[in-house]
Amino acid sequence: MNETLRPPRPLDDVHRRLEAVLDNATASIFLMDERQQCIYMNHAAERLTGYTLREILALDMPLHDIIHHTHPDGSPFPLHECAIDRAYPERHRVQGEEVFVHKDGSFYPVAFTASPIRDEASETVGTIIEVRDIRAERLAAERQQLLLNELNHRVKNTLASVQAIALHSFRGVSLENLDNFNGRLLALSRAHDVLRDASWQSPSIREVVDGAVETFGSDRFEIGGPDCPIDPKAAVSLSMVLHELGTNAAKYGALSSAAGTVHLGWTLEHHDDAVSIDLLWEERNGPPTGTPGRPGFGMKLIRQVAAEFGGSAVLDFRTEGLRCEIRARMPKSAAFEIL
């Protein structure tokens, strides 16, 4: 039979199909041999690097020395320091982010996965590298951070304006009441700092607790409880509640004496669409306390916040110190579902 008329062998067909798949893949794919030299790259990899496979093969050197040889600051990036190339000698998958050098000399960030290729005898014979251009993601993240910083700046300016107005409006009001008001503004400001650090999404309970008690001296607290993301609205409310409890303890309770401490713990109960939180604030080794004659703003705030989240707050002014138990039910955030 004439060779040109012979039907394609099955292996040839599989090879063509595989090559078609790789060349139409959106991820950039490189194959390296045991010398760390590139023996194959798909069309996406050619577009990413600016090099054709023919050019890469002609250079006859490790792929690292072609597209990953220099740090963005201009300093050399030796092959032995490259995380991508560790996949071959260490025989395990490596993932991360790096900065590549384009053919035109420009730098661009990428996310990569480098995996060793093994033969039938489980010997490592090369490396396959999947690379994704993350320039757009980095730019979007930078823009988002810029907007978040601007938002936080405006919030802080608003709080500062409220504080300035209060100073002029509260003339004749006792210094203690004015200090209480300023303390609450500062607590609200710290709560917004926690939200800013969490990109205004879902900070963890522990982050909120740590931020709230820091001003009272974290070493005076015994803190414990399972961590989980918390709704931004709940984060601000929890921060304000802890501020009221801390302020009361600093004035009249355990934190007003050198030996006093506070146990702050919580438990979680998971439901289909919500999470129940039981939070306990328990003061120890403080001066004797008694039940206040009438509930102040702080006590009202604590109970109101608990009721707002479908729960309750029980405050027990014991001789050995205040014991406050808060039960609340909060909707699960998207971040909670991920965890």
Protein backbone atom coordinates (compact mmCIF):
# COMPACT_ATOMS: atom_id res chain seq x y z
CA MET A 1 0.00 0.00 0.00
CA ASN A 2 1.21 3.47 -0.80
CA GLU A 3 2.57 5.08 2.41
CA THR A 4 0.71 8.32 1.77
CA LEU A 5 -2.59 6.44 1.63
CA ARG A 6 -2.01 4.43 4.83
CA PRO A 7 -4.60 5.33 7.47
CA PRO A 8 -3.23 7.02 10.61
CA ARG A 9 -2.10 4.71 13.38
CA PRO A 10 -4.07 4.92 16.66
CA LEU A 11 -1.04 6.28 18.52
CA ASP A 12 -0.63 9.07 15.96
CA ASP A 13 -4.28 9.99 16.42
CA VAL A 14 -3.93 10.07 20.20
CA HIS A 15 -0.83 12.27 19.88
CA ARG A 16 -2.65 14.73 17.63
CA ARG A 17 -5.63 14.88 19.95
CA LEU A 18 -3.42 15.44 22.98
CA GLU A 19 -1.51 18.18 21.21
CA ALA A 20 -4.78 19.83 20.17
CA VAL A 21 -6.00 19.78 23.77
CA LEU A 22 -2.78 21.29 25.10
CA ASP A 23 -2.64 23.97 22.41
CA ASN A 24 -6.21 25.02 23.14
CA ALA A 25 -5.73 25.08 26.91
CA THR A 26 -5.90 28.50 28.56
CA ALA A 27 -3.14 27.59 31.04
CA SER A 28 0.46 27.83 29.93
CA ILE A 29 2.04 24.36 30.01
CA PHE A 30 5.75 23.52 29.90
CA LEU A 31 7.47 20.13 29.88
CA MET A 32 11.05 19.98 31.15
CA ASP A 33 13.51 17.11 30.94
CA GLU A 34 16.02 15.97 33.53
CA ARG A 35 18.37 18.80 32.53
CA GLN A 36 15.65 21.35 33.40
CA GLN A 37 15.44 22.24 29.72
CA CYS A 38 12.07 22.84 28.06
CA ILE A 39 11.15 20.19 25.50
CA TYR A 40 7.57 21.30 24.94
CA MET A 41 5.40 24.39 25.51
CA ASN A 42 1.86 24.99 24.28
CA HIS A 43 0.56 28.04 22.42
CA ALA A 44 -0.54 29.71 25.66
CA ALA A 45 3.01 29.40 27.01
CA GLU A 46 4.40 30.95 23.82
CA ARG A 47 2.02 33.90 24.15
CA LEU A 48 2.88 34.28 27.83
CA THR A 49 6.67 34.28 27.45
CA GLY A 50 7.04 35.87 24.04
CA TYR A 51 9.19 32.93 22.91
CA THR A 52 8.29 30.21 20.43
CA LEU A 53 9.12 26.60 21.22
CA ARG A 54 11.63 26.65 18.35
CA GLU A 55 13.44 29.61 19.94
CA ILE A 56 13.47 27.94 23.38
CA LEU A 57 14.92 24.72 21.94
CA ALA A 58 17.57 26.65 20.00
CA LEU A 59 18.83 28.38 23.15
CA ASP A 60 19.73 24.93 24.61
CA MET A 61 19.70 26.00 28.28
CA PRO A 62 17.51 25.49 31.36
CA LEU A 63 14.12 27.14 31.06
CA HIS A 64 14.81 29.04 34.28
CA ASP A 65 17.76 30.80 32.66
CA ILE A 66 15.49 32.02 29.87
CA ILE A 67 12.33 33.25 31.60
CA HIS A 68 13.13 33.32 35.33
CA HIS A 69 16.74 34.39 35.69
CA THR A 70 16.36 37.83 37.30
CA HIS A 71 14.49 39.28 40.27
CA PRO A 72 12.31 42.38 39.63
CA ASP A 73 14.95 44.47 41.43
CA GLY A 74 17.51 43.43 38.82
CA SER A 75 19.49 41.04 41.00
CA PRO A 76 20.35 37.58 39.59
CA PHE A 77 18.03 34.67 40.41
CA PRO A 78 20.16 31.49 40.39
CA LEU A 79 18.59 28.19 39.35
CA HIS A 80 19.27 26.45 42.68
CA GLU A 81 17.05 29.00 44.48
CA CYS A 82 14.09 28.46 42.15
CA ALA A 83 11.07 26.83 43.82
CA ILE A 84 9.72 25.60 40.47
CA ASP A 85 12.84 23.57 39.73
CA ARG A 86 12.71 21.82 43.09
CA ALA A 87 9.83 19.64 41.87
CA TYR A 88 12.27 17.43 39.90
CA PRO A 89 15.01 16.66 42.45
CA GLU A 90 12.65 16.62 45.46
CA ARG A 91 10.06 14.54 43.58
CA HIS A 92 6.95 16.32 44.83
CA ARG A 93 4.48 18.92 43.60
CA VAL A 94 5.32 22.57 44.23
CA GLN A 95 2.83 25.44 44.06
CA GLY A 96 3.24 29.16 44.51
CA GLU A 97 3.65 32.52 42.86
CA GLU A 98 6.71 33.90 41.07
CA VAL A 99 7.70 36.70 38.71
CA PHE A 100 8.81 35.75 35.18
CA VAL A 101 10.83 37.74 32.65
CA HIS A 102 9.24 38.28 29.24
CA LYS A 103 11.25 38.13 26.03
CA ASP A 104 11.01 41.93 25.86
CA GLY A 105 12.60 42.24 29.33
CA SER A 106 9.44 43.14 31.23
CA PHE A 107 8.42 41.36 34.45
CA TYR A 108 5.02 39.78 35.12
CA PRO A 109 3.59 37.80 38.06
CA VAL A 110 2.40 34.22 37.63
CA ALA A 111 0.88 31.42 39.71
CA PHE A 112 2.44 28.01 39.05
CA THR A 113 2.12 24.31 39.79
CA ALA A 114 5.21 22.19 39.07
CA SER A 115 4.80 18.40 39.23
CA PRO A 116 7.37 15.64 38.67
CA ILE A 117 6.80 13.24 35.75
CA ARG A 118 7.49 9.59 36.57
CA ASP A 119 8.04 6.63 34.25
CA GLU A 120 6.80 3.04 34.64
CA ALA A 121 9.53 2.38 37.22
CA SER A 122 8.46 5.45 39.27
CA GLU A 123 11.69 7.22 38.34
CA THR A 124 11.46 10.98 37.87
CA VAL A 125 12.18 11.79 34.23
CA GLY A 126 11.00 15.40 33.98
CA THR A 127 8.65 18.10 35.17
CA ILE A 128 5.33 19.46 33.95
CA ILE A 129 4.66 23.10 34.84
CA GLU A 130 1.25 24.76 34.68
CA VAL A 131 1.46 28.55 34.75
CA ARG A 132 -1.26 31.19 34.98
CA ASP A 133 -0.81 34.91 34.34
CA ILE A 134 -2.09 36.80 37.41
CA ARG A 135 -1.42 40.36 36.30
CA ALA A 136 -5.13 41.19 36.09
CA GLU A 137 -5.76 39.64 39.52
CA ARG A 138 -2.92 41.61 41.10
CA LEU A 139 -4.17 44.85 39.52
CA ALA A 140 -7.73 44.19 40.71
CA ALA A 141 -6.48 43.42 44.23
CA GLU A 142 -4.44 46.63 44.29
CA ARG A 143 -7.43 48.67 43.16
CA GLN A 144 -9.64 47.01 45.76
CA GLN A 145 -7.11 47.74 48.49
CA LEU A 146 -6.92 51.36 47.37
CA LEU A 147 -10.71 51.66 47.60
CA LEU A 148 -10.75 49.97 51.02
CA ASN A 149 -8.06 52.32 52.31
CA GLU A 150 -10.04 55.30 51.03
CA LEU A 151 -13.21 53.96 52.65
CA ASN A 152 -11.45 53.46 55.97
CA HIS A 153 -9.94 56.93 55.73
CA ARG A 154 -13.39 58.46 55.21
CA VAL A 155 -14.87 56.46 58.10
CA LYS A 156 -12.08 57.64 60.39
CA ASN A 157 -12.60 61.24 59.27
CA THR A 158 -16.33 60.92 59.96
CA LEU A 159 -15.67 59.56 63.45
CA ALA A 160 -13.20 62.39 64.09
CA SER A 161 -15.83 64.91 62.98
CA VAL A 162 -18.40 63.34 65.30
CA GLN A 163 -15.90 63.56 68.14
CA ALA A 164 -15.19 67.25 67.40
CA ILE A 165 -18.91 68.06 67.27
CA ALA A 166 -19.43 66.23 70.56
CA LEU A 167 -16.68 68.25 72.26
CA HIS A 168 -18.48 71.47 71.33
CA SER A 169 -22.00 70.14 71.92
CA PHE A 170 -21.38 68.48 75.30
CA ARG A 171 -20.19 71.59 77.13
CA GLY A 172 -21.47 71.40 80.65
CA VAL A 173 -21.57 67.59 80.53
CA SER A 174 -19.41 65.79 83.09
CA LEU A 175 -15.89 64.81 82.05
CA GLU A 176 -16.71 61.16 82.84
CA ASN A 177 -19.62 61.11 80.38
CA LEU A 178 -17.49 62.75 77.72
CA ASP A 179 -14.73 60.18 78.28
CA ASN A 180 -17.30 57.40 77.96
CA PHE A 181 -18.50 58.81 74.66
CA ASN A 182 -14.96 59.16 73.29
CA GLY A 183 -14.16 55.62 74.42
CA ARG A 184 -17.11 54.28 72.45
CA LEU A 185 -16.01 56.18 69.36
CA LEU A 186 -12.52 54.71 69.69
CA ALA A 187 -14.01 51.23 70.11
CA LEU A 188 -16.00 51.75 66.92
CA SER A 189 -12.84 52.95 65.19
CA ARG A 190 -10.92 49.84 66.28
CA ALA A 191 -13.78 47.64 65.04
CA HIS A 192 -13.48 49.29 61.64
CA ASP A 193 -9.73 48.61 61.68
CA VAL A 194 -10.48 44.90 62.10
CA LEU A 195 -12.93 45.05 59.20
CA ARG A 196 -10.37 46.88 57.08
CA ASP A 197 -7.76 44.21 57.74
CA ALA A 198 -10.34 41.61 56.65
CA SER A 199 -11.06 43.63 53.46
CA TRP A 200 -14.47 44.60 54.88
CA GLN A 201 -15.71 41.04 54.57
CA SER A 202 -15.74 38.51 57.42
CA PRO A 203 -13.13 38.87 60.18
CA SER A 204 -12.72 36.01 62.60
CA ILE A 205 -14.15 36.06 66.11
CA ARG A 206 -10.63 35.90 67.54
CA GLU A 207 -9.54 38.94 65.53
CA VAL A 208 -12.51 40.92 66.84
CA VAL A 209 -11.90 39.80 70.43
CA ASP A 210 -8.16 40.55 70.30
CA GLY A 211 -8.79 44.01 68.86
CA ALA A 212 -11.42 44.82 71.49
CA VAL A 213 -9.47 43.75 74.60
CA GLU A 214 -6.07 45.07 73.52
CA THR A 215 -6.71 48.51 74.99
CA PHE A 216 -7.39 46.97 78.43
CA GLY A 217 -4.20 44.88 78.46
CA SER A 218 -4.36 41.52 76.70
CA ASP A 219 -2.25 39.87 79.42
CA ARG A 220 -5.13 40.32 81.88
CA PHE A 221 -7.38 38.04 79.83
CA GLU A 222 -7.71 34.27 79.52
CA ILE A 223 -9.18 33.87 76.05
CA GLY A 224 -10.37 30.66 74.45
CA GLY A 225 -12.88 29.44 71.92
CA PRO A 226 -13.19 28.04 68.39
CA ASP A 227 -12.46 30.51 65.63
CA CYS A 228 -14.78 31.19 62.71
CA PRO A 229 -15.64 34.06 60.34
CA ILE A 230 -18.17 36.53 61.66
CA ASP A 231 -20.57 38.81 59.81
CA PRO A 232 -19.26 42.43 59.60
CA LYS A 233 -22.33 43.81 61.39
CA ALA A 234 -21.92 41.24 64.15
CA ALA A 235 -18.21 42.06 64.37
CA VAL A 236 -18.92 45.73 65.13
CA SER A 237 -21.64 44.81 67.65
CA LEU A 238 -19.38 42.29 69.44
CA SER A 239 -16.58 44.83 69.58
CA MET A 240 -18.86 47.42 71.18
CA VAL A 241 -20.16 44.88 73.73
CA LEU A 242 -16.64 43.89 74.76
CA HIS A 243 -15.70 47.56 75.04
CA GLU A 244 -18.58 48.18 77.46
CA LEU A 245 -17.65 45.13 79.55
CA GLY A 246 -13.97 46.10 79.53
CA THR A 247 -14.68 49.70 80.49
CA ASN A 248 -16.87 48.61 83.39
CA ALA A 249 -14.19 46.13 84.55
CA ALA A 250 -11.49 48.81 84.35
CA LYS A 251 -13.55 51.24 86.45
CA TYR A 252 -15.25 49.01 88.98
CA GLY A 253 -14.38 45.38 88.37
CA ALA A 254 -11.48 42.96 87.99
CA LEU A 255 -9.37 45.18 85.76
CA SER A 256 -9.40 47.94 88.38
CA SER A 257 -7.14 45.87 90.67
CA ALA A 258 -3.64 44.53 90.01
CA ALA A 259 -4.59 40.90 90.66
CA GLY A 260 -7.81 40.91 88.67
CA THR A 261 -8.25 38.88 85.49
CA VAL A 262 -11.03 38.14 83.03
CA HIS A 263 -11.93 34.78 81.54
CA LEU A 264 -13.38 35.29 78.06
CA GLY A 265 -14.51 32.18 76.23
CA TRP A 266 -17.15 31.02 73.78
CA THR A 267 -18.63 27.91 72.19
CA LEU A 268 -20.29 27.43 68.82
CA GLU A 269 -23.24 25.36 67.71
CA HIS A 270 -23.68 24.90 63.98
CA HIS A 271 -27.03 25.00 62.20
CA ASP A 272 -27.90 24.76 58.50
CA ASP A 273 -27.98 28.50 57.89
CA ALA A 274 -26.68 29.98 61.13
CA VAL A 275 -24.29 29.52 64.02
CA SER A 276 -25.20 29.94 67.69
CA ILE A 277 -22.60 31.52 69.95
CA ASP A 278 -22.49 31.27 73.74
CA LEU A 279 -20.02 33.85 75.04
CA LEU A 280 -18.93 34.04 78.67
CA TRP A 281 -17.24 37.04 80.32
CA GLU A 282 -16.19 36.13 83.87
CA GLU A 283 -14.21 38.46 86.13
CA ARG A 284 -11.97 37.05 88.84
CA ASN A 285 -9.95 38.40 91.79
CA GLY A 286 -11.44 41.86 91.54
CA PRO A 287 -12.90 44.08 94.26
CA PRO A 288 -16.35 43.22 95.64
CA THR A 289 -19.11 44.45 93.34
CA GLY A 290 -22.82 44.97 93.71
CA THR A 291 -25.75 45.24 91.37
CA PRO A 292 -26.03 48.82 90.04
CA GLY A 293 -29.07 50.80 91.13
CA ARG A 294 -30.29 51.30 87.58
CA PRO A 295 -29.06 49.97 84.25
CA GLY A 296 -26.70 52.32 82.47
CA PHE A 297 -26.09 52.78 78.75
CA GLY A 298 -23.54 49.96 78.62
CA MET A 299 -25.87 47.40 80.16
CA LYS A 300 -28.68 48.45 77.83
CA LEU A 301 -26.36 48.20 74.82
CA ILE A 302 -25.25 44.68 75.75
CA ARG A 303 -28.83 43.45 76.09
CA GLN A 304 -29.94 45.25 72.95
CA VAL A 305 -27.15 43.72 70.85
CA ALA A 306 -27.94 40.22 72.12
CA ALA A 307 -31.66 40.71 71.33
CA GLU A 308 -30.80 42.07 67.88
CA PHE A 309 -29.20 38.71 67.04
CA GLY A 310 -32.06 36.67 68.44
CA GLY A 311 -30.40 35.97 71.78
CA SER A 312 -30.15 37.18 75.34
CA ALA A 313 -27.65 38.58 77.83
CA VAL A 314 -27.55 37.64 81.51
CA LEU A 315 -25.43 39.84 83.79
CA ASP A 316 -24.72 38.50 87.27
CA PHE A 317 -22.99 41.02 89.57
CA ARG A 318 -21.43 38.53 91.97
CA THR A 319 -19.25 39.45 94.93
CA GLU A 320 -16.19 37.96 93.20
CA GLY A 321 -16.86 39.84 89.96
CA LEU A 322 -19.24 40.29 87.06
CA ARG A 323 -20.33 37.23 85.13
CA CYS A 324 -21.94 37.98 81.79
CA GLU A 325 -23.28 35.27 79.50
CA ILE A 326 -24.41 36.25 76.01
CA ARG A 327 -26.23 33.95 73.65
CA ALA A 328 -26.76 34.97 70.04
CA ARG A 329 -27.57 33.40 66.70
CA MET A 330 -25.91 34.78 63.57
CA PRO A 331 -26.25 33.90 59.89
CA LYS A 332 -23.34 32.03 58.37
CA SER A 333 -21.19 34.17 56.11
CA ALA A 334 -19.86 33.05 52.74
CA ALA A 335 -16.41 32.76 54.35
CA PHE A 336 -17.86 30.41 56.97
CA GLU A 337 -19.18 28.11 54.23
CA ILE A 338 -15.70 27.93 52.70
CA LEU A 339 -14.20 26.79 56.00
